[in-house]
């Protein structure tokens, strides 16, 4: 997400470096470039105008402090305005109502509404420790009801059955009544979508809203539709008292126009980002972190949170104890580390959140991450083709064994040799894990393993 915008802004913001003072003349060209970058990112024209004017008002005449270059001072202004544009801070769900707290989900067909209900149910269950019931009031698509039942079973929440012969209001009210009896904390109500906004659809969902009086009404919209996402959200907001927006398919949106336009056009906060197909691929929207990511500064806080949620703490503690006892870091441990990285979104997910330093722009990083993802999959395949004894003691892997492993993993003998060599490097790094500066050495070593990357960005 934001790859194109980040690349353009990175090039643009270099133009103001080397100036002793920011003036209208020396930032005029930079602001023009910022304007073009935002328009190309499909940000709404009215939003772009206001944003650029706000930057100009703050930047012109600003004295650059001794510790900052003008470029850095300007970036600080741009970052602050980006945060202001997207809403200052994350706005959490209002769940402080008498249970059950009812959340109504609205949106067009194909926006990923039902999938988002499943993701949000998992989020509430795992991160907020709530009991959750999901119900489908989509009486036009039997497949949507079945899909929601499947998702509910997958994430381990209560599913309230419904039927296409029922009325949406009756379904939702019956679900809420059942949730009260079962002392359930939150009820998520999925609604019917349409291919376009129409009066019949709006009348139905307005009536449903009035009947159940939800504490949250979230509009689910496809981020890849750009500024159309913001315009559609505004149309829904005119008909419904929306409390927030969920942007879906964000991982497929390299522009980011929707994220920058929705808040300004609707006045409603973006509360979540849908980052993929998996049921855990829903992240709270933090404007400050997104602004940092757009400007190539990374998103280390989200990376840490992601690690805390996904890393197998039991395995991590077991490995630490093993290393402290002086036992070797074998190929099974190596495979575990690769799998942990994959759980965190692979190299692509990690690189996206890392500070973009050392002159490596995002387009270069994209090539590096693709090659790294491919190599890591190959490495895992090679390890899986080994016997348990070979994984525990790679020293026994002779020439004939290498040929067998290569055939079993669909790779070349030299690939197997390269993996064994890389494992030895990891062994050496792991020995330094508990020493001073150990982590930085491990990061440098991992950087050297990335094909075509020239190492990780310096941290």
Protein backbone atom coordinates (compact mmCIF):
# COMPACT_ATOMS: atom_id res chain seq x y z
CA UNK A 1 0.00 0.00 0.00
CA UNK A 2 1.12 3.58 -0.79
CA UNK A 3 4.14 2.32 -2.79
CA UNK A 4 3.62 4.75 -5.68
CA UNK A 5 2.88 7.72 -3.43
CA UNK A 6 5.87 6.94 -1.19
CA UNK A 7 8.25 6.74 -4.16
CA UNK A 8 7.00 10.04 -5.61
CA UNK A 9 7.13 11.90 -2.31
CA UNK A 10 10.61 10.56 -1.51
CA UNK A 11 11.93 12.00 -4.79
CA UNK A 12 10.00 15.24 -4.37
CA UNK A 13 11.03 16.04 -0.81
CA UNK A 14 14.72 15.90 -1.72
CA UNK A 15 14.26 19.15 -3.66
CA UNK A 16 14.00 21.29 -0.54
CA UNK A 17 17.22 20.04 1.04
CA UNK A 18 20.18 22.39 1.32
CA UNK A 19 18.06 25.51 1.92
CA UNK A 20 18.65 27.72 4.95
CA UNK A 21 15.01 28.75 5.05
CA UNK A 22 11.73 27.49 3.65
CA UNK A 23 10.19 30.17 1.44
CA UNK A 24 7.30 30.18 -1.03
CA UNK A 25 9.79 30.25 -3.92
CA UNK A 26 11.91 27.29 -2.88
CA UNK A 27 8.96 25.07 -1.95
CA UNK A 28 6.74 26.03 -4.93
CA UNK A 29 8.05 23.22 -7.16
CA UNK A 30 7.98 20.75 -4.29
CA UNK A 31 4.34 21.55 -3.51
CA UNK A 32 3.46 21.15 -7.20
CA UNK A 33 5.06 17.71 -7.13
CA UNK A 34 3.26 16.80 -3.90
CA UNK A 35 -0.01 17.86 -5.54
CA UNK A 36 0.67 15.69 -8.62
CA UNK A 37 1.71 12.72 -6.45
CA UNK A 38 -1.56 12.93 -4.50
CA UNK A 39 -3.70 13.27 -7.64
CA UNK A 40 -1.95 10.27 -9.19
CA UNK A 41 -2.68 8.37 -5.96
CA UNK A 42 -6.37 9.05 -6.74
CA UNK A 43 -6.94 11.41 -3.82
CA UNK A 44 -10.02 13.62 -4.34
CA UNK A 45 -9.19 17.03 -5.90
CA UNK A 46 -10.87 19.03 -3.12
CA UNK A 47 -8.85 17.12 -0.51
CA UNK A 48 -5.60 17.70 -2.42
CA UNK A 49 -6.23 21.47 -2.64
CA UNK A 50 -6.92 21.82 1.09
CA UNK A 51 -3.94 19.61 1.98
CA UNK A 52 -1.43 21.50 -0.18
CA UNK A 53 -2.71 24.88 1.07
CA UNK A 54 -2.36 23.73 4.68
CA UNK A 55 1.27 22.66 4.06
CA UNK A 56 2.06 25.98 2.33
CA UNK A 57 0.58 28.00 5.20
CA UNK A 58 2.65 26.13 7.76
CA UNK A 59 5.87 25.81 5.75
CA UNK A 60 6.39 29.29 4.31
CA UNK A 61 8.65 31.34 6.51
CA UNK A 62 9.36 28.49 8.92
CA UNK A 63 12.84 28.81 10.37
CA UNK A 64 14.81 25.59 10.20
CA UNK A 65 16.26 24.59 13.55
CA UNK A 66 19.98 23.87 13.79
CA UNK A 67 19.43 20.15 14.26
CA UNK A 68 17.23 19.70 11.20
CA UNK A 69 17.77 20.17 7.51
CA UNK A 70 15.02 22.10 5.66
CA UNK A 71 14.02 18.81 4.05
CA UNK A 72 13.45 17.22 7.44
CA UNK A 73 11.52 20.27 8.68
CA UNK A 74 9.31 20.13 5.59
CA UNK A 75 8.75 16.37 6.02
CA UNK A 76 7.67 16.98 9.63
CA UNK A 77 5.08 19.46 8.37
CA UNK A 78 3.87 17.03 5.66
CA UNK A 79 3.67 14.22 8.22
CA UNK A 80 1.65 16.34 10.66
CA UNK A 81 -0.78 17.36 7.90
CA UNK A 82 -1.15 13.75 6.73
CA UNK A 83 -2.04 12.72 10.27
CA UNK A 84 -4.50 15.60 10.55
CA UNK A 85 -6.06 14.67 7.19
CA UNK A 86 -6.56 11.02 8.20
CA UNK A 87 -7.82 11.73 11.71
CA UNK A 88 -5.01 12.35 14.25
CA UNK A 89 -5.36 9.02 16.13
CA UNK A 90 -7.00 5.60 15.99
CA UNK A 91 -10.66 5.68 17.02
CA UNK A 92 -11.63 2.48 18.77
CA UNK A 93 -15.02 0.80 18.61
CA UNK A 94 -17.52 2.10 21.17
CA UNK A 95 -18.37 -1.10 23.03
CA UNK A 96 -19.24 0.44 26.39
CA UNK A 97 -22.97 -0.21 26.00
CA UNK A 98 -25.15 -2.67 27.91
CA UNK A 99 -24.48 -6.03 26.23
CA UNK A 100 -24.95 -6.98 23.58
CA UNK A 101 -23.28 -4.07 21.76
CA UNK A 102 -24.72 -4.18 18.24
CA UNK A 103 -22.54 -3.39 15.21
CA UNK A 104 -24.22 -2.96 11.83
CA UNK A 105 -22.11 -3.54 8.71
CA UNK A 106 -23.08 -1.72 5.49
CA UNK A 107 -21.56 -1.50 2.02
CA UNK A 108 -21.79 -2.32 -1.66
CA UNK A 109 -21.72 -5.84 -3.06
CA UNK A 110 -18.19 -7.09 -3.63
CA UNK A 111 -16.56 -4.79 -1.07
CA UNK A 112 -15.73 -7.74 1.21
CA UNK A 113 -18.43 -7.09 3.81
CA UNK A 114 -19.08 -10.68 4.91
CA UNK A 115 -15.35 -11.49 5.03
CA UNK A 116 -14.84 -8.35 7.14
CA UNK A 117 -17.55 -9.50 9.59
CA UNK A 118 -15.56 -12.72 10.09
CA UNK A 119 -12.30 -10.78 10.56
CA UNK A 120 -13.89 -8.32 12.99
CA UNK A 121 -15.41 -11.20 14.97
CA UNK A 122 -11.95 -12.73 15.37
CA UNK A 123 -10.44 -9.35 16.28
CA UNK A 124 -13.05 -8.79 19.01
CA UNK A 125 -12.68 -12.32 20.35
CA UNK A 126 -8.86 -12.46 20.42
CA UNK A 127 -7.77 -8.87 21.03
CA UNK A 128 -10.73 -7.45 22.95
CA UNK A 129 -11.62 -10.72 24.75
CA UNK A 130 -15.31 -10.39 23.84
CA UNK A 131 -17.89 -13.09 23.19
CA UNK A 132 -19.29 -12.52 19.70
CA UNK A 133 -22.37 -13.53 17.70
CA UNK A 134 -22.61 -13.01 13.93
CA UNK A 135 -25.83 -12.94 11.92
CA UNK A 136 -26.60 -12.40 8.23
CA UNK A 137 -29.56 -10.20 7.29
CA UNK A 138 -28.75 -10.67 3.58
CA UNK A 139 -31.94 -12.40 2.42
CA UNK A 140 -31.02 -12.05 -1.26
CA UNK A 141 -27.94 -14.27 -1.31
CA UNK A 142 -28.22 -17.67 0.40
CA UNK A 143 -24.50 -18.11 -0.30
CA UNK A 144 -23.75 -15.09 1.92
CA UNK A 145 -25.51 -16.75 4.88
CA UNK A 146 -23.57 -19.97 4.33
CA UNK A 147 -20.30 -18.04 3.93
CA UNK A 148 -20.85 -16.29 7.25
CA UNK A 149 -21.60 -19.60 8.98
CA UNK A 150 -18.33 -21.04 7.62
CA UNK A 151 -16.38 -17.97 8.80
CA UNK A 152 -18.01 -18.12 12.25
CA UNK A 153 -16.95 -21.76 12.66
CA UNK A 154 -13.45 -20.91 11.44
CA UNK A 155 -12.87 -18.13 13.98
CA UNK A 156 -14.82 -19.79 16.80
CA UNK A 157 -17.73 -17.40 17.38
CA UNK A 158 -21.49 -17.97 17.66
CA UNK A 159 -23.48 -18.05 14.41
CA UNK A 160 -27.18 -17.15 14.46
CA UNK A 161 -28.98 -18.95 11.60
CA UNK A 162 -31.21 -17.03 9.20
CA UNK A 163 -33.25 -17.80 6.10
CA UNK A 164 -34.10 -16.01 2.85
CA UNK A 165 -37.82 -16.27 3.68
CA UNK A 166 -37.38 -13.95 6.68
CA UNK A 167 -37.30 -10.17 6.86
CA UNK A 168 -33.94 -8.51 7.70
CA UNK A 169 -35.39 -6.66 10.72
CA UNK A 170 -36.90 -9.85 12.15
CA UNK A 171 -33.60 -11.71 11.73
CA UNK A 172 -31.55 -9.02 13.48
CA UNK A 173 -34.00 -8.57 16.37
CA UNK A 174 -34.18 -12.34 16.95
CA UNK A 175 -30.37 -12.53 17.00
CA UNK A 176 -30.11 -9.70 19.54
CA UNK A 177 -32.75 -11.38 21.74
CA UNK A 178 -30.80 -14.68 21.61
CA UNK A 179 -27.52 -12.85 22.39
CA UNK A 180 -29.08 -11.36 25.55
CA UNK A 181 -30.15 -14.81 26.73
CA UNK A 182 -26.65 -16.17 26.14
CA UNK A 183 -24.89 -13.13 27.72
CA UNK A 184 -22.97 -12.41 24.49
CA UNK A 185 -20.98 -9.15 24.44
CA UNK A 186 -21.17 -8.13 20.75
CA UNK A 187 -23.54 -8.88 17.87
CA UNK A 188 -22.28 -8.25 14.32
CA UNK A 189 -25.08 -7.80 11.78
CA UNK A 190 -24.13 -8.41 8.13
CA UNK A 191 -26.44 -6.74 5.59
CA UNK A 192 -27.25 -7.10 1.90
CA UNK A 193 -25.06 -5.33 -0.62
CA UNK A 194 -25.92 -4.05 -4.08
CA UNK A 195 -23.87 -3.47 -7.20
CA UNK A 196 -24.79 0.21 -7.02
CA UNK A 197 -26.46 2.58 -4.59
CA UNK A 198 -30.24 2.48 -5.01
CA UNK A 199 -33.21 3.88 -3.08
CA UNK A 200 -34.65 0.42 -2.27
CA UNK A 201 -31.41 -0.70 -0.67
CA UNK A 202 -31.06 2.52 1.31
CA UNK A 203 -34.67 2.33 2.55
CA UNK A 204 -34.17 -1.26 3.71
CA UNK A 205 -30.96 -0.61 5.63
CA UNK A 206 -32.33 2.65 7.11
CA UNK A 207 -35.32 0.69 8.45
CA UNK A 208 -33.04 -2.01 9.83
CA UNK A 209 -30.88 0.61 11.54
CA UNK A 210 -33.92 2.22 13.16
CA UNK A 211 -35.17 -1.17 14.41
CA UNK A 212 -31.95 -2.36 16.07
CA UNK A 213 -30.33 1.01 17.01
CA UNK A 214 -26.70 -0.18 16.70
CA UNK A 215 -23.93 1.40 18.77
CA UNK A 216 -21.63 1.25 15.72
CA UNK A 217 -22.54 1.49 12.03
CA UNK A 218 -19.51 0.66 9.92
CA UNK A 219 -19.28 1.23 6.18
CA UNK A 220 -17.15 -1.38 4.40
CA UNK A 221 -15.56 -0.15 1.18
CA UNK A 222 -12.99 -1.42 -1.34
CA UNK A 223 -9.83 0.74 -1.11
CA UNK A 224 -8.95 -0.08 -4.72
CA UNK A 225 -11.82 2.09 -5.94
CA UNK A 226 -9.80 5.17 -4.91
CA UNK A 227 -11.70 8.42 -4.49
CA UNK A 228 -14.90 6.61 -5.54
CA UNK A 229 -14.63 4.86 -2.17
CA UNK A 230 -14.87 8.23 -0.43
CA UNK A 231 -17.80 9.35 -2.61
CA UNK A 232 -19.71 6.09 -1.96
CA UNK A 233 -19.03 6.41 1.76
CA UNK A 234 -20.47 9.96 1.64
CA UNK A 235 -23.66 8.68 -0.07
CA UNK A 236 -24.11 6.09 2.67
CA UNK A 237 -23.30 8.64 5.36
CA UNK A 238 -26.07 10.90 4.04
CA UNK A 239 -28.57 8.03 4.48
CA UNK A 240 -27.16 6.41 7.62
CA UNK A 241 -25.53 7.79 10.77
CA UNK A 242 -22.20 6.07 10.10
CA UNK A 243 -19.74 5.86 12.97
CA UNK A 244 -16.74 4.67 10.96
CA UNK A 245 -15.29 3.11 7.83
CA UNK A 246 -13.45 -0.16 7.14
CA UNK A 247 -11.18 -0.07 4.08
CA UNK A 248 -10.79 -3.52 2.50
CA UNK A 249 -8.31 -4.91 -0.07
CA UNK A 250 -5.73 -2.38 1.09
CA UNK A 251 -2.91 -4.83 0.30
CA UNK A 252 -3.84 -4.59 -3.40
CA UNK A 253 -3.97 -0.76 -3.44
CA UNK A 254 -0.61 0.78 -4.34
CA UNK A 255 -2.10 4.29 -4.53
CA UNK A 256 -3.77 4.93 -1.17
CA UNK A 257 -6.22 7.59 -2.40
CA UNK A 258 -9.13 6.15 -0.44
CA UNK A 259 -7.28 6.24 2.88
CA UNK A 260 -6.43 9.91 2.33
CA UNK A 261 -9.88 10.97 1.08
CA UNK A 262 -12.46 9.11 3.19
CA UNK A 263 -12.06 11.04 6.44
CA UNK A 264 -12.01 14.46 4.73
CA UNK A 265 -15.07 13.77 2.55
CA UNK A 266 -17.26 11.91 5.06
CA UNK A 267 -16.04 13.35 8.34
CA UNK A 268 -16.07 9.76 9.65
CA UNK A 269 -12.96 7.96 10.93
CA UNK A 270 -11.37 4.98 9.24
CA UNK A 271 -11.37 2.38 12.01
CA UNK A 272 -9.86 -0.68 10.31
CA UNK A 273 -7.83 -1.77 7.30
CA UNK A 274 -8.40 -5.15 5.65
CA UNK A 275 -4.93 -6.31 4.60
CA UNK A 276 -5.58 -9.72 2.95
CA UNK A 277 -7.81 -12.77 2.74
CA UNK A 278 -6.91 -14.47 6.04
CA UNK A 279 -9.21 -14.09 9.04
CA UNK A 280 -6.50 -12.29 11.04
CA UNK A 281 -5.82 -9.75 8.27
CA UNK A 282 -7.60 -6.81 9.91
CA UNK A 283 -5.60 -3.98 11.48
CA UNK A 284 -6.79 -0.97 13.48
CA UNK A 285 -6.19 2.22 11.47
CA UNK A 286 -3.51 4.45 13.04
CA UNK A 287 -3.16 7.71 11.03
CA UNK A 288 0.26 8.51 12.55
CA UNK A 289 1.66 5.11 11.57
CA UNK A 290 0.20 5.29 8.06
CA UNK A 291 1.65 8.80 7.59
CA UNK A 292 5.02 7.48 8.70
CA UNK A 293 4.76 4.59 6.23
CA UNK A 294 3.77 6.93 3.36
CA UNK A 295 6.88 9.03 4.01
CA UNK A 296 9.13 5.96 4.04
CA UNK A 297 9.78 6.07 7.80
CA UNK A 298 8.38 2.61 8.42
CA UNK A 299 5.84 1.44 10.95
CA UNK A 300 7.86 -0.17 13.71
CA UNK A 301 5.05 -0.02 16.32
CA UNK A 302 2.74 -2.11 14.12
CA UNK A 303 5.62 -4.49 13.43
CA UNK A 304 6.13 -5.01 17.18
CA UNK A 305 2.39 -5.54 17.77
CA UNK A 306 2.27 -8.01 14.89
CA UNK A 307 5.23 -9.92 16.32
CA UNK A 308 3.58 -10.09 19.75
CA UNK A 309 0.39 -11.52 18.23
CA UNK A 310 1.93 -14.00 15.79
CA UNK A 311 5.20 -15.25 17.22
CA UNK A 312 4.91 -18.57 19.01
CA UNK A 313 6.11 -17.55 22.48
CA UNK A 314 6.54 -21.16 23.60
CA UNK A 315 8.83 -21.93 20.65
CA UNK A 316 10.74 -18.67 21.16
CA UNK A 317 11.38 -19.43 24.85
CA UNK A 318 12.38 -23.02 24.01
CA UNK A 319 14.91 -21.77 21.42
CA UNK A 320 16.33 -19.17 23.82
CA UNK A 321 16.84 -21.79 26.55
CA UNK A 322 18.42 -24.13 24.00
CA UNK A 323 20.87 -21.44 22.86
CA UNK A 324 21.74 -20.47 26.43
CA UNK A 325 22.58 -24.09 27.18
CA UNK A 326 25.07 -23.97 24.32
CA UNK A 327 23.13 -26.36 22.10
CA UNK A 328 23.31 -25.71 18.38
CA UNK A 329 20.79 -23.91 16.19
CA UNK A 330 19.75 -26.77 13.87
CA UNK A 331 17.82 -26.78 10.59
CA UNK A 332 14.51 -27.48 12.36
CA UNK A 333 15.04 -24.26 14.34
CA UNK A 334 15.93 -22.51 11.07
CA UNK A 335 12.67 -23.72 9.49
CA UNK A 336 10.72 -22.51 12.52
CA UNK A 337 12.20 -19.02 12.06
CA UNK A 338 11.18 -19.01 8.37
CA UNK A 339 7.64 -20.06 9.31
CA UNK A 340 7.42 -17.33 11.97
CA UNK A 341 8.43 -14.75 9.35
CA UNK A 342 5.76 -16.11 7.02
CA UNK A 343 3.14 -15.74 9.78
CA UNK A 344 4.07 -12.06 9.99
CA UNK A 345 3.36 -11.60 6.27
CA UNK A 346 6.68 -12.85 4.90
CA UNK A 347 9.49 -10.55 3.84
CA UNK A 348 6.99 -8.34 2.03
CA UNK A 349 5.06 -7.67 5.23
CA UNK A 350 8.24 -7.00 7.20
CA UNK A 351 9.86 -4.72 4.62
CA UNK A 352 6.69 -2.67 4.23
CA UNK A 353 6.85 -1.71 7.90
CA UNK A 354 10.61 -1.18 8.15
CA UNK A 355 12.10 2.31 7.88
CA UNK A 356 13.06 2.98 4.25
CA UNK A 357 16.67 4.04 4.85
CA UNK A 358 20.00 3.82 3.14
CA UNK A 359 18.71 5.17 -0.16
CA UNK A 360 16.67 2.04 -0.92
CA UNK A 361 13.40 3.23 -2.41
CA UNK A 362 10.23 1.16 -2.39
CA UNK A 363 10.46 0.09 -6.05
CA UNK A 364 13.92 -1.37 -5.38
CA UNK A 365 12.57 -2.95 -2.23
CA UNK A 366 9.70 -4.52 -4.19
CA UNK A 367 12.16 -6.40 -6.39
CA UNK A 368 14.17 -7.49 -3.37
CA UNK A 369 11.14 -8.69 -1.45
CA UNK A 370 9.88 -10.79 -4.39
CA UNK A 371 13.22 -12.54 -4.71
CA UNK A 372 13.44 -13.02 -0.94
CA UNK A 373 9.93 -14.53 -0.71
CA UNK A 374 10.81 -16.99 -3.48
CA UNK A 375 14.10 -17.97 -1.86
CA UNK A 376 12.54 -18.45 1.58
CA UNK A 377 9.88 -20.80 0.14
CA UNK A 378 12.62 -22.75 -1.60
CA UNK A 379 14.62 -22.99 1.63
CA UNK A 380 11.63 -24.36 3.53
CA UNK A 381 11.01 -26.92 0.79
CA UNK A 382 14.64 -28.10 0.96
CA UNK A 383 14.50 -28.51 4.76
CA UNK A 384 11.22 -30.44 4.49
CA UNK A 385 12.93 -32.88 2.09
CA UNK A 386 15.55 -33.81 4.70
CA UNK A 387 15.32 -36.59 7.26
CA UNK A 388 14.98 -35.63 10.95
CA UNK A 389 18.59 -36.73 11.50
CA UNK A 390 19.81 -34.46 8.68
CA UNK A 391 17.92 -31.48 10.07
CA UNK A 392 19.46 -32.01 13.50
CA UNK A 393 22.98 -32.52 12.14
CA UNK A 394 23.61 -30.97 8.68
CA UNK A 395 27.25 -32.16 8.85
CA UNK A 396 26.11 -35.67 7.80
CA UNK A 397 24.68 -34.36 4.49
CA UNK A 398 27.08 -35.86 1.95
CA UNK A 399 27.04 -35.45 -1.84
CA UNK A 400 24.57 -38.30 -2.40
CA UNK A 401 22.28 -36.95 0.30
CA UNK A 402 22.39 -33.50 -1.30
CA UNK A 403 21.33 -34.99 -4.64
CA UNK A 404 18.43 -36.82 -2.97
CA UNK A 405 17.28 -33.67 -1.11
CA UNK A 406 17.51 -31.60 -4.32
CA UNK A 407 15.35 -34.11 -6.21
CA UNK A 408 12.82 -34.27 -3.36
CA UNK A 409 12.47 -30.46 -3.17
CA UNK A 410 12.58 -29.76 -6.93
CA UNK A 411 15.77 -27.74 -6.58
CA UNK A 412 19.42 -27.94 -7.66
CA UNK A 413 22.28 -29.50 -5.65
CA UNK A 414 23.90 -26.04 -5.40
CA UNK A 415 20.68 -24.70 -3.81
CA UNK A 416 20.98 -27.32 -1.08
CA UNK A 417 24.63 -26.37 -0.57
CA UNK A 418 23.72 -22.68 -0.37
CA UNK A 419 21.07 -23.39 2.28
CA UNK A 420 23.55 -25.35 4.41
CA UNK A 421 26.02 -22.46 4.13
CA UNK A 422 23.33 -19.92 5.10
CA UNK A 423 22.34 -22.10 8.04
CA UNK A 424 25.96 -22.03 9.25
CA UNK A 425 25.87 -18.22 9.09
CA UNK A 426 22.66 -18.23 11.15
CA UNK A 427 24.28 -20.60 13.67
CA UNK A 428 27.13 -18.14 14.16
CA UNK A 429 24.71 -15.23 14.57
CA UNK A 430 22.58 -17.11 17.07
CA UNK A 431 25.67 -17.75 19.21
CA UNK A 432 26.04 -13.96 19.44
CA UNK A 433 22.35 -13.53 20.29
CA UNK A 434 22.93 -12.99 23.99
CA UNK A 435 26.07 -10.86 23.51
CA UNK A 436 26.15 -7.07 23.28
CA UNK A 437 24.98 -5.90 19.87
CA UNK A 438 23.78 -9.40 19.01
CA UNK A 439 20.46 -8.34 17.50
CA UNK A 440 22.02 -5.80 15.14
CA UNK A 441 24.46 -8.47 13.94
CA UNK A 442 21.56 -10.85 13.30
CA UNK A 443 19.72 -8.15 11.30
CA UNK A 444 22.83 -7.49 9.20
CA UNK A 445 23.22 -11.20 8.59
CA UNK A 446 19.59 -11.57 7.54
CA UNK A 447 20.09 -8.64 5.18
CA UNK A 448 22.97 -10.46 3.52
CA UNK A 449 20.70 -13.44 2.88
CA UNK A 450 18.26 -11.35 0.83
CA UNK A 451 18.98 -11.76 -2.88
CA UNK A 452 19.42 -8.50 -4.78
CA UNK A 453 18.71 -6.41 -1.71
CA UNK A 454 22.23 -5.38 -0.93
CA UNK A 455 21.38 -6.03 2.71
CA UNK A 456 18.62 -4.73 4.91
CA UNK A 457 18.15 -0.97 5.24
CA UNK A 458 20.51 0.19 7.99
CA UNK A 459 18.66 0.62 11.25
